PDB file of N, CA and C in Angstrom:
ATOM      1  N   MET A   1       0.813  -1.185   0.000  1.00  0.00           N
ATOM      2  CA  MET A   1       0.000   0.000   0.000  1.00  0.00           C
ATOM      3  C   MET A   1       0.866   1.262   0.000  1.00  0.00           C
ATOM      4  N   ARG A   2       1.953   1.225   0.748  1.00  0.00           N
ATOM      5  CA  ARG A   2       2.844   2.388   0.789  1.00  0.00           C
ATOM      6  C   ARG A   2       3.465   2.652  -0.573  1.00  0.00           C
ATOM      7  N   LEU A   3       3.796   1.590  -1.264  1.00  0.00           N
ATOM      8  CA  LEU A   3       4.403   1.721  -2.587  1.00  0.00           C
ATOM      9  C   LEU A   3       3.419   2.361  -3.566  1.00  0.00           C
ATOM     10  N   ILE A   4       2.172   1.913  -3.534  1.00  0.00           N
ATOM     11  CA  ILE A   4       1.161   2.467  -4.432  1.00  0.00           C
ATOM     12  C   ILE A   4       0.926   3.936  -4.111  1.00  0.00           C
ATOM     13  N   GLY A   5       0.835   4.267  -2.836  1.00  0.00           N
ATOM     14  CA  GLY A   5       0.644   5.659  -2.441  1.00  0.00           C
ATOM     15  C   GLY A   5       1.807   6.526  -2.872  1.00  0.00           C
ATOM     16  N   GLY A   6       3.024   6.007  -2.709  1.00  0.00           N
ATOM     17  CA  GLY A   6       4.210   6.750  -3.128  1.00  0.00           C
ATOM     18  C   GLY A   6       4.234   6.989  -4.626  1.00  0.00           C
ATOM     19  N   LEU A   7       3.866   5.974  -5.388  1.00  0.00           N
ATOM     20  CA  LEU A   7       3.829   6.117  -6.847  1.00  0.00           C
ATOM     21  C   LEU A   7       2.777   7.139  -7.272  1.00  0.00           C
ATOM     22  N   LEU A   8       1.620   7.118  -6.622  1.00  0.00           N
ATOM     23  CA  LEU A   8       0.588   8.097  -6.953  1.00  0.00           C
ATOM     24  C   LEU A   8       1.046   9.517  -6.655  1.00  0.00           C
ATOM     25  N   VAL A   9       1.735   9.704  -5.544  1.00  0.00           N
ATOM     26  CA  VAL A   9       2.243  11.034  -5.199  1.00  0.00           C
ATOM     27  C   VAL A   9       3.262  11.502  -6.237  1.00  0.00           C
ATOM     28  N   ILE A  10       4.152  10.610  -6.643  1.00  0.00           N
ATOM     29  CA  ILE A  10       5.168  10.952  -7.638  1.00  0.00           C
ATOM     30  C   ILE A  10       4.509  11.314  -8.969  1.00  0.00           C
ATOM     31  N   ILE A  11       3.508  10.547  -9.380  1.00  0.00           N
ATOM     32  CA  ILE A  11       2.813  10.822 -10.639  1.00  0.00           C
ATOM     33  C   ILE A  11       2.113  12.176 -10.574  1.00  0.00           C
ATOM     34  N   LEU A  12       1.463  12.469  -9.457  1.00  0.00           N
ATOM     35  CA  LEU A  12       0.790  13.761  -9.313  1.00  0.00           C
ATOM     36  C   LEU A  12       1.787  14.912  -9.326  1.00  0.00           C
ATOM     37  N   LEU A  13       2.934  14.733  -8.709  1.00  0.00           N
ATOM     38  CA  LEU A  13       3.959  15.779  -8.721  1.00  0.00           C
ATOM     39  C   LEU A  13       4.492  16.014 -10.134  1.00  0.00           C
ATOM     40  N   VAL A  14       4.712  14.947 -10.882  1.00  0.00           N
ATOM     41  CA  VAL A  14       5.193  15.086 -12.262  1.00  0.00           C
ATOM     42  C   VAL A  14       4.147  15.802 -13.115  1.00  0.00           C
ATOM     43  N   LEU A  15       2.881  15.431 -12.963  1.00  0.00           N
ATOM     44  CA  LEU A  15       1.820  16.095 -13.720  1.00  0.00           C
ATOM     45  C   LEU A  15       1.710  17.565 -13.334  1.00  0.00           C
ATOM     46  N   ALA A  16       1.752  17.876 -12.052  1.00  0.00           N
ATOM     47  CA  ALA A  16       1.659  19.260 -11.605  1.00  0.00           C
ATOM     48  C   ALA A  16       2.844  20.071 -12.113  1.00  0.00           C
ATOM     49  N   GLY A  17       4.041  19.486 -12.092  1.00  0.00           N
ATOM     50  CA  GLY A  17       5.219  20.178 -12.605  1.00  0.00           C
ATOM     51  C   GLY A  17       5.127  20.407 -14.098  1.00  0.00           C
ATOM     52  N   GLY A  18       4.607  19.436 -14.836  1.00  0.00           N
ATOM     53  CA  GLY A  18       4.444  19.586 -16.285  1.00  0.00           C
ATOM     54  C   GLY A  18       3.444  20.667 -16.637  1.00  0.00           C
ATOM     55  N   ILE A  19       2.366  20.738 -15.889  1.00  0.00           N
ATOM     56  CA  ILE A  19       1.370  21.779 -16.140  1.00  0.00           C
ATOM     57  C   ILE A  19       1.926  23.148 -15.761  1.00  0.00           C
ATOM     58  N   ALA A  20       2.643  23.232 -14.645  1.00  0.00           N
ATOM     59  CA  ALA A  20       3.182  24.516 -14.178  1.00  0.00           C
ATOM     60  C   ALA A  20       4.245  25.058 -15.123  1.00  0.00           C
ATOM     61  N   THR A  21       5.049  24.189 -15.714  1.00  0.00           N
ATOM     62  CA  THR A  21       6.124  24.650 -16.588  1.00  0.00           C
ATOM     63  C   THR A  21       5.686  24.801 -18.045  1.00  0.00           C
ATOM     64  N   GLY A  22       4.505  24.333 -18.387  1.00  0.00           N
ATOM     65  CA  GLY A  22       4.014  24.500 -19.753  1.00  0.00           C
ATOM     66  C   GLY A  22       4.267  23.307 -20.652  1.00  0.00           C
ATOM     67  N   PHE A  23       4.858  22.244 -20.155  1.00  0.00           N
ATOM     68  CA  PHE A  23       5.071  21.053 -20.979  1.00  0.00           C
ATOM     69  C   PHE A  23       3.745  20.349 -21.284  1.00  0.00           C
ATOM     70  N   ILE A  24       2.810  20.473 -20.365  1.00  0.00           N
ATOM     71  CA  ILE A  24       1.483  19.898 -20.567  1.00  0.00           C
ATOM     72  C   ILE A  24       0.500  21.048 -20.643  1.00  0.00           C
ATOM     73  N   ASP A  25      -0.272  21.090 -21.728  1.00  0.00           N
ATOM     74  CA  ASP A  25      -1.246  22.155 -21.923  1.00  0.00           C
ATOM     75  C   ASP A  25      -2.632  21.521 -22.019  1.00  0.00           C
ATOM     76  N   LEU A  26      -3.467  21.767 -21.036  1.00  0.00           N
ATOM     77  CA  LEU A  26      -4.811  21.209 -21.019  1.00  0.00           C
ATOM     78  C   LEU A  26      -5.795  22.271 -21.482  1.00  0.00           C
ATOM     79  N   GLN A  27      -6.626  21.904 -22.466  1.00  0.00           N
ATOM     80  CA  GLN A  27      -7.638  22.829 -22.972  1.00  0.00           C
ATOM     81  C   GLN A  27      -8.969  22.103 -23.043  1.00  0.00           C
ATOM     82  N   ARG A  28     -10.010  22.787 -22.606  1.00  0.00           N
ATOM     83  CA  ARG A  28     -11.349  22.201 -22.647  1.00  0.00           C
ATOM     84  C   ARG A  28     -11.891  22.338 -24.055  1.00  0.00           C
ATOM     85  N   THR A  29     -12.350  21.247 -24.641  1.00  0.00           N
ATOM     86  CA  THR A  29     -12.897  21.275 -25.995  1.00  0.00           C
ATOM     87  C   THR A  29     -14.410  21.231 -25.996  1.00  0.00           C
ATOM     88  N   GLN A  30     -15.017  20.829 -24.888  1.00  0.00           N
ATOM     89  CA  GLN A  30     -16.470  20.755 -24.808  1.00  0.00           C
ATOM     90  C   GLN A  30     -16.862  20.957 -23.358  1.00  0.00           C
ATOM     91  N   SER A  31     -17.913  21.740 -23.116  1.00  0.00           N
ATOM     92  CA  SER A  31     -18.341  21.962 -21.739  1.00  0.00           C
ATOM     93  C   SER A  31     -19.181  20.777 -21.272  1.00  0.00           C
ATOM     94  N   GLY A  32     -19.143  20.534 -19.990  1.00  0.00           N
ATOM     95  CA  GLY A  32     -19.889  19.415 -19.427  1.00  0.00           C
ATOM     96  C   GLY A  32     -21.058  19.904 -18.594  1.00  0.00           C
ATOM     97  N   SER A  33     -21.928  18.992 -18.215  1.00  0.00           N
ATOM     98  CA  SER A  33     -23.065  19.335 -17.359  1.00  0.00           C
ATOM     99  C   SER A  33     -23.397  18.129 -16.489  1.00  0.00           C
ATOM    100  N   LEU A  34     -24.037  18.409 -15.379  1.00  0.00           N
ATOM    101  CA  LEU A  34     -24.445  17.345 -14.478  1.00  0.00           C
ATOM    102  C   LEU A  34     -25.724  16.699 -14.986  1.00  0.00           C
ATOM    103  N   PRO A  35     -25.914  15.427 -14.702  1.00  0.00           N
ATOM    104  CA  PRO A  35     -27.152  14.773 -15.146  1.00  0.00           C
ATOM    105  C   PRO A  35     -28.344  15.282 -14.328  1.00  0.00           C
ATOM    106  N   GLU A  36     -29.514  15.247 -14.954  1.00  0.00           N
ATOM    107  CA  GLU A  36     -30.732  15.643 -14.255  1.00  0.00           C
ATOM    108  C   GLU A  36     -31.287  14.437 -13.519  1.00  0.00           C
ATOM    109  N   VAL A  37     -31.598  14.650 -12.241  1.00  0.00           N
ATOM    110  CA  VAL A  37     -32.091  13.558 -11.404  1.00  0.00           C
ATOM    111  C   VAL A  37     -33.348  14.040 -10.699  1.00  0.00           C
ATOM    112  N   SER A  38     -34.372  13.218 -10.694  1.00  0.00           N
ATOM    113  CA  SER A  38     -35.581  13.565  -9.943  1.00  0.00           C
ATOM    114  C   SER A  38     -35.802  12.517  -8.856  1.00  0.00           C
ATOM    115  N   VAL A  39     -36.182  13.008  -7.689  1.00  0.00           N
ATOM    116  CA  VAL A  39     -36.411  12.121  -6.551  1.00  0.00           C
ATOM    117  C   VAL A  39     -37.801  12.395  -6.017  1.00  0.00           C
ATOM    118  N   ARG A  40     -38.558  11.339  -5.809  1.00  0.00           N
ATOM    119  CA  ARG A  40     -39.917  11.487  -5.279  1.00  0.00           C
ATOM    120  C   ARG A  40     -40.138  10.478  -4.171  1.00  0.00           C
ATOM    121  N   GLY A  41     -40.927  10.901  -3.170  1.00  0.00           N
ATOM    122  CA  GLY A  41     -41.343   9.988  -2.114  1.00  0.00           C
ATOM    123  C   GLY A  41     -40.197   9.484  -1.265  1.00  0.00           C
ATOM    124  N   GLY A  42     -40.438   8.364  -0.646  1.00  0.00           N
ATOM    125  CA  GLY A  42     -39.429   7.757   0.199  1.00  0.00           C
ATOM    126  C   GLY A  42     -39.646   8.117   1.658  1.00  0.00           C
ATOM    127  N   SER A  43     -38.964   7.407   2.534  1.00  0.00           N
ATOM    128  CA  SER A  43     -39.042   7.695   3.961  1.00  0.00           C
ATOM    129  C   SER A  43     -37.763   7.206   4.625  1.00  0.00           C
ATOM    130  N   LEU A  44     -37.477   7.808   5.742  1.00  0.00           N
ATOM    131  CA  LEU A  44     -36.300   7.392   6.496  1.00  0.00           C
ATOM    132  C   LEU A  44     -36.616   6.147   7.318  1.00  0.00           C
ATOM    133  N   PRO A  45     -35.645   5.278   7.536  1.00  0.00           N
ATOM    134  CA  PRO A  45     -35.892   4.101   8.381  1.00  0.00           C
ATOM    135  C   PRO A  45     -36.050   4.529   9.838  1.00  0.00           C
ATOM    136  N   LYS A  46     -36.815   3.742  10.593  1.00  0.00           N
ATOM    137  CA  LYS A  46     -37.015   4.013  12.006  1.00  0.00           C
ATOM    138  C   LYS A  46     -36.181   3.028  12.825  1.00  0.00           C
ATOM    139  N   TYR A  47     -35.603   3.538  13.906  1.00  0.00           N
ATOM    140  CA  TYR A  47     -34.776   2.714  14.777  1.00  0.00           C
ATOM    141  C   TYR A  47     -35.196   2.906  16.223  1.00  0.00           C
ATOM    142  N   GLU A  48     -35.053   1.864  17.005  1.00  0.00           N
ATOM    143  CA  GLU A  48     -35.203   1.944  18.444  1.00  0.00           C
ATOM    144  C   GLU A  48     -33.903   1.456  19.054  1.00  0.00           C
ATOM    145  N   ALA A  49     -33.451   2.166  20.066  1.00  0.00           N
ATOM    146  CA  ALA A  49     -32.200   1.773  20.708  1.00  0.00           C
ATOM    147  C   ALA A  49     -32.411   1.693  22.216  1.00  0.00           C
ATOM    148  N   ASN A  50     -32.145   0.550  22.787  1.00  0.00           N
ATOM    149  CA  ASN A  50     -32.169   0.381  24.230  1.00  0.00           C
ATOM    150  C   ASN A  50     -30.718   0.357  24.700  1.00  0.00           C
ATOM    151  N   VAL A  51     -30.331   1.423  25.351  1.00  0.00           N
ATOM    152  CA  VAL A  51     -28.936   1.524  25.777  1.00  0.00           C
ATOM    153  C   VAL A  51     -28.855   1.519  27.293  1.00  0.00           C
ATOM    154  N   ALA A  52     -27.681   1.175  27.789  1.00  0.00           N
ATOM    155  CA  ALA A  52     -27.468   1.127  29.229  1.00  0.00           C
ATOM    156  C   ALA A  52     -27.384   2.536  29.794  1.00  0.00           C
ATOM    157  N   LYS A  53     -27.773   2.662  31.066  1.00  0.00           N
ATOM    158  CA  LYS A  53     -27.685   3.949  31.737  1.00  0.00           C
ATOM    159  C   LYS A  53     -26.288   4.058  32.341  1.00  0.00           C
ATOM    160  N   VAL A  54     -25.618   5.169  32.074  1.00  0.00           N
ATOM    161  CA  VAL A  54     -24.263   5.386  32.561  1.00  0.00           C
ATOM    162  C   VAL A  54     -24.280   6.542  33.541  1.00  0.00           C
ATOM    163  N   GLU A  55     -23.743   6.285  34.733  1.00  0.00           N
ATOM    164  CA  GLU A  55     -23.637   7.339  35.732  1.00  0.00           C
ATOM    165  C   GLU A  55     -22.165   7.661  35.935  1.00  0.00           C
ATOM    166  N   VAL A  56     -21.846   8.942  35.935  1.00  0.00           N
ATOM    167  CA  VAL A  56     -20.467   9.386  36.080  1.00  0.00           C
ATOM    168  C   VAL A  56     -20.363  10.153  37.389  1.00  0.00           C
ATOM    169  N   GLY A  57     -19.326   9.858  38.166  1.00  0.00           N
ATOM    170  CA  GLY A  57     -19.141  10.548  39.430  1.00  0.00           C
ATOM    171  C   GLY A  57     -17.679  10.505  39.849  1.00  0.00           C
ATOM    172  N   THR A  58     -17.397  11.034  41.017  1.00  0.00           N
ATOM    173  CA  THR A  58     -16.029  11.013  41.539  1.00  0.00           C
ATOM    174  C   THR A  58     -16.035  10.421  42.936  1.00  0.00           C
ATOM    175  N   ARG A  59     -14.876   9.939  43.356  1.00  0.00           N
ATOM    176  CA  ARG A  59     -14.713   9.440  44.718  1.00  0.00           C
ATOM    177  C   ARG A  59     -13.257   9.592  45.115  1.00  0.00           C
ATOM    178  N   ASN A  60     -12.987   9.647  46.388  1.00  0.00           N
ATOM    179  CA  ASN A  60     -11.623   9.773  46.894  1.00  0.00           C
ATOM    180  C   ASN A  60     -11.079   8.393  47.222  1.00  0.00           C
ATOM    181  N   GLU A  61      -9.867   8.140  46.811  1.00  0.00           N
ATOM    182  CA  GLU A  61      -9.189   6.872  47.079  1.00  0.00           C
ATOM    183  C   GLU A  61      -7.787   7.160  47.589  1.00  0.00           C
ATOM    184  N   THR A  62      -7.261   6.282  48.432  1.00  0.00           N
ATOM    185  CA  THR A  62      -5.892   6.377  48.905  1.00  0.00           C
ATOM    186  C   THR A  62      -5.078   5.308  48.189  1.00  0.00           C
ATOM    187  N   VAL A  63      -4.017   5.746  47.538  1.00  0.00           N
ATOM    188  CA  VAL A  63      -3.176   4.835  46.762  1.00  0.00           C
ATOM    189  C   VAL A  63      -1.771   4.906  47.317  1.00  0.00           C
ATOM    190  N   GLU A  64      -1.174   3.726  47.570  1.00  0.00           N
ATOM    191  CA  GLU A  64       0.205   3.684  48.047  1.00  0.00           C
ATOM    192  C   GLU A  64       1.154   3.828  46.866  1.00  0.00           C
ATOM    193  N   VAL A  65       2.075   4.774  46.995  1.00  0.00           N
ATOM    194  CA  VAL A  65       3.044   5.028  45.941  1.00  0.00           C
ATOM    195  C   VAL A  65       4.419   4.662  46.466  1.00  0.00           C
ATOM    196  N   PRO A  66       5.192   3.851  45.744  1.00  0.00           N
ATOM    197  CA  PRO A  66       6.526   3.475  46.223  1.00  0.00           C
ATOM    198  C   PRO A  66       7.472   4.675  46.201  1.00  0.00           C
ATOM    199  N   THR A  67       8.398   4.676  47.122  1.00  0.00           N
ATOM    200  CA  THR A  67       9.402   5.729  47.151  1.00  0.00           C
ATOM    201  C   THR A  67      10.626   5.269  46.402  1.00  0.00           C
ATOM    202  N   VAL A  68      11.311   6.198  45.804  1.00  0.00           N
ATOM    203  CA  VAL A  68      12.508   5.896  45.016  1.00  0.00           C
ATOM    204  C   VAL A  68      13.676   6.636  45.661  1.00  0.00           C
ATOM    205  N   ASP A  69      14.727   5.898  45.948  1.00  0.00           N
ATOM    206  CA  ASP A  69      15.912   6.483  46.548  1.00  0.00           C
ATOM    207  C   ASP A  69      17.060   6.347  45.550  1.00  0.00           C
ATOM    208  N   VAL A  70      17.636   7.488  45.166  1.00  0.00           N
ATOM    209  CA  VAL A  70      18.721   7.494  44.188  1.00  0.00           C
ATOM    210  C   VAL A  70      20.001   7.819  44.925  1.00  0.00           C
ATOM    211  N   ARG A  71      20.992   6.936  44.786  1.00  0.00           N
ATOM    212  CA  ARG A  71      22.304   7.145  45.414  1.00  0.00           C
ATOM    213  C   ARG A  71      23.361   7.225  44.349  1.00  0.00           C
ATOM    214  N   LYS A  72      24.149   8.299  44.422  1.00  0.00           N
ATOM    215  CA  LYS A  72      25.240   8.464  43.476  1.00  0.00           C
ATOM    216  C   LYS A  72      26.451   7.683  43.970  1.00  0.00           C
ATOM    217  N   PRO A  73      27.156   7.018  43.086  1.00  0.00           N
ATOM    218  CA  PRO A  73      28.337   6.240  43.513  1.00  0.00           C
ATOM    219  C   PRO A  73      29.514   7.129  43.913  1.00  0.00           C
TER     220      PRO A  73
END
């Protein structure tokens, strides 16, 4: 996958460089248009979700932390 991505990046850079320097000249010969689409009716699906109740709170706890003693030789 990395190889394919790298090759695509290199190809895009070469194309961009060719267009920027004038080696590649792109000209539109015919204008385009989007297709006409009509949509009628329809409905969204209905869902029911039974989820667990989550309660969030705080509490105090005592935790023993080890001590570290550093001695230089």
